């Protein structure tokens, strides 16, 4: 019963990971990484590892994409200031 569900979730994780690698825009990549974090949390839940799934939800789908978005925003501001100067 669990094997087909594991196979489906693994295909979902593989597809989302491929989308994350192929995405060029850092903002969209952060969003895809968030979805990948949720997919991995579902996989860990199916594999009966709820503690790992909760950690993955916190770090993989919330904290890491947030840090990426904040970094992109900060780098964008600093590069905007440098290009404005002569």
C-alpha atoms as a PDB file:
ATOM      1  CA  UNK A   1       0.000   0.000   0.000  1.00  0.00           C
ATOM      2  CA  UNK A   2       2.739   2.458   0.896  1.00  0.00           C
ATOM      3  CA  UNK A   3       5.071   1.648  -2.007  1.00  0.00           C
ATOM      4  CA  UNK A   4       2.965   3.296  -4.747  1.00  0.00           C
ATOM      5  CA  UNK A   5       2.527   6.382  -2.567  1.00  0.00           C
ATOM      6  CA  UNK A   6       6.280   6.558  -1.965  1.00  0.00           C
ATOM      7  CA  UNK A   7       6.891   6.239  -5.708  1.00  0.00           C
ATOM      8  CA  UNK A   8       4.461   9.070  -6.488  1.00  0.00           C
ATOM      9  CA  UNK A   9       6.015  11.369  -3.902  1.00  0.00           C
ATOM     10  CA  UNK A  10       9.528  10.537  -5.137  1.00  0.00           C
ATOM     11  CA  UNK A  11       8.521  11.476  -8.690  1.00  0.00           C
ATOM     12  CA  UNK A  12       7.032  14.716  -7.358  1.00  0.00           C
ATOM     13  CA  UNK A  13      10.251  15.510  -5.464  1.00  0.00           C
ATOM     14  CA  UNK A  14      12.372  14.725  -8.529  1.00  0.00           C
ATOM     15  CA  UNK A  15      10.227  16.971 -10.728  1.00  0.00           C
ATOM     16  CA  UNK A  16      10.324  19.845  -8.278  1.00  0.00           C
ATOM     17  CA  UNK A  17      14.086  19.494  -7.784  1.00  0.00           C
ATOM     18  CA  UNK A  18      14.583  19.566 -11.548  1.00  0.00           C
ATOM     19  CA  UNK A  19      12.458  22.700 -11.763  1.00  0.00           C
ATOM     20  CA  UNK A  20      14.569  24.317  -9.037  1.00  0.00           C
ATOM     21  CA  UNK A  21      17.757  23.577 -10.954  1.00  0.00           C
ATOM     22  CA  UNK A  22      16.382  24.841 -14.258  1.00  0.00           C
ATOM     23  CA  UNK A  23      14.958  28.080 -12.847  1.00  0.00           C
ATOM     24  CA  UNK A  24      17.263  31.052 -13.457  1.00  0.00           C
ATOM     25  CA  UNK A  25      15.517  33.884 -11.594  1.00  0.00           C
ATOM     26  CA  UNK A  26      16.569  33.813  -7.903  1.00  0.00           C
ATOM     27  CA  UNK A  27      13.150  34.928  -6.668  1.00  0.00           C
ATOM     28  CA  UNK A  28      11.336  32.192  -8.561  1.00  0.00           C
ATOM     29  CA  UNK A  29      14.013  29.724  -7.525  1.00  0.00           C
ATOM     30  CA  UNK A  30      13.349  30.553  -3.879  1.00  0.00           C
ATOM     31  CA  UNK A  31       9.655  29.861  -4.402  1.00  0.00           C
ATOM     32  CA  UNK A  32      10.394  26.551  -6.130  1.00  0.00           C
ATOM     33  CA  UNK A  33      12.739  25.628  -3.266  1.00  0.00           C
ATOM     34  CA  UNK A  34       9.907  26.310  -0.857  1.00  0.00           C
ATOM     35  CA  UNK A  35       7.671  23.903  -2.765  1.00  0.00           C
ATOM     36  CA  UNK A  36      10.515  21.387  -2.798  1.00  0.00           C
ATOM     37  CA  UNK A  37      10.755  21.698   0.976  1.00  0.00           C
ATOM     38  CA  UNK A  38       7.077  20.889   1.320  1.00  0.00           C
ATOM     39  CA  UNK A  39       7.430  17.951  -1.059  1.00  0.00           C
ATOM     40  CA  UNK A  40      10.325  16.580   0.960  1.00  0.00           C
ATOM     41  CA  UNK A  41       8.337  17.003   4.174  1.00  0.00           C
ATOM     42  CA  UNK A  42       5.539  14.953   2.620  1.00  0.00           C
ATOM     43  CA  UNK A  43       8.080  12.307   1.598  1.00  0.00           C
ATOM     44  CA  UNK A  44       9.479  12.130   5.120  1.00  0.00           C
ATOM     45  CA  UNK A  45       5.966  11.840   6.512  1.00  0.00           C
ATOM     46  CA  UNK A  46       5.177   8.976   4.138  1.00  0.00           C
ATOM     47  CA  UNK A  47       8.432   7.310   5.192  1.00  0.00           C
ATOM     48  CA  UNK A  48       7.257   7.600   8.828  1.00  0.00           C
ATOM     49  CA  UNK A  49       9.784  10.195   9.962  1.00  0.00           C
ATOM     50  CA  UNK A  50       7.566  12.972  11.338  1.00  0.00           C
ATOM     51  CA  UNK A  51      10.334  14.674  13.311  1.00  0.00           C
ATOM     52  CA  UNK A  52      12.455  15.040  10.183  1.00  0.00           C
ATOM     53  CA  UNK A  53       9.373  16.223   8.279  1.00  0.00           C
ATOM     54  CA  UNK A  54       8.740  18.997  10.806  1.00  0.00           C
ATOM     55  CA  UNK A  55      12.366  20.094  10.626  1.00  0.00           C
ATOM     56  CA  UNK A  56      12.169  20.097   6.838  1.00  0.00           C
ATOM     57  CA  UNK A  57       9.021  22.210   6.922  1.00  0.00           C
ATOM     58  CA  UNK A  58      10.660  24.767   9.180  1.00  0.00           C
ATOM     59  CA  UNK A  59      14.032  24.982   7.466  1.00  0.00           C
ATOM     60  CA  UNK A  60      13.496  23.820   3.893  1.00  0.00           C
ATOM     61  CA  UNK A  61      10.197  25.439   3.093  1.00  0.00           C
ATOM     62  CA  UNK A  62      10.302  28.565   5.246  1.00  0.00           C
ATOM     63  CA  UNK A  63      13.711  29.658   6.481  1.00  0.00           C
ATOM     64  CA  UNK A  64      15.947  28.940   3.484  1.00  0.00           C
ATOM     65  CA  UNK A  65      13.673  30.606   0.867  1.00  0.00           C
ATOM     66  CA  UNK A  66      13.218  33.577   3.202  1.00  0.00           C
ATOM     67  CA  UNK A  67      16.987  33.997   3.537  1.00  0.00           C
ATOM     68  CA  UNK A  68      17.408  33.744  -0.228  1.00  0.00           C
ATOM     69  CA  UNK A  69      14.742  36.396  -0.805  1.00  0.00           C
ATOM     70  CA  UNK A  70      16.319  38.728   1.757  1.00  0.00           C
ATOM     71  CA  UNK A  71      19.751  38.233   0.196  1.00  0.00           C
ATOM     72  CA  UNK A  72      18.449  38.978  -3.301  1.00  0.00           C
ATOM     73  CA  UNK A  73      16.754  42.102  -1.984  1.00  0.00           C
ATOM     74  CA  UNK A  74      19.900  43.281  -0.196  1.00  0.00           C
ATOM     75  CA  UNK A  75      22.171  42.621  -3.169  1.00  0.00           C
ATOM     76  CA  UNK A  76      19.692  44.405  -5.442  1.00  0.00           C
ATOM     77  CA  UNK A  77      19.740  47.480  -3.234  1.00  0.00           C
ATOM     78  CA  UNK A  78      23.527  47.593  -3.034  1.00  0.00           C
ATOM     79  CA  UNK A  79      23.999  47.126  -6.774  1.00  0.00           C
ATOM     80  CA  UNK A  80      21.399  49.840  -7.416  1.00  0.00           C
ATOM     81  CA  UNK A  81      23.342  52.283  -5.268  1.00  0.00           C
ATOM     82  CA  UNK A  82      26.631  51.481  -6.997  1.00  0.00           C
ATOM     83  CA  UNK A  83      25.199  51.861 -10.504  1.00  0.00           C
ATOM     84  CA  UNK A  84      23.646  55.225  -9.561  1.00  0.00           C
ATOM     85  CA  UNK A  85      27.010  56.722  -8.619  1.00  0.00           C
ATOM     86  CA  UNK A  86      29.417  58.212 -11.110  1.00  0.00           C
END
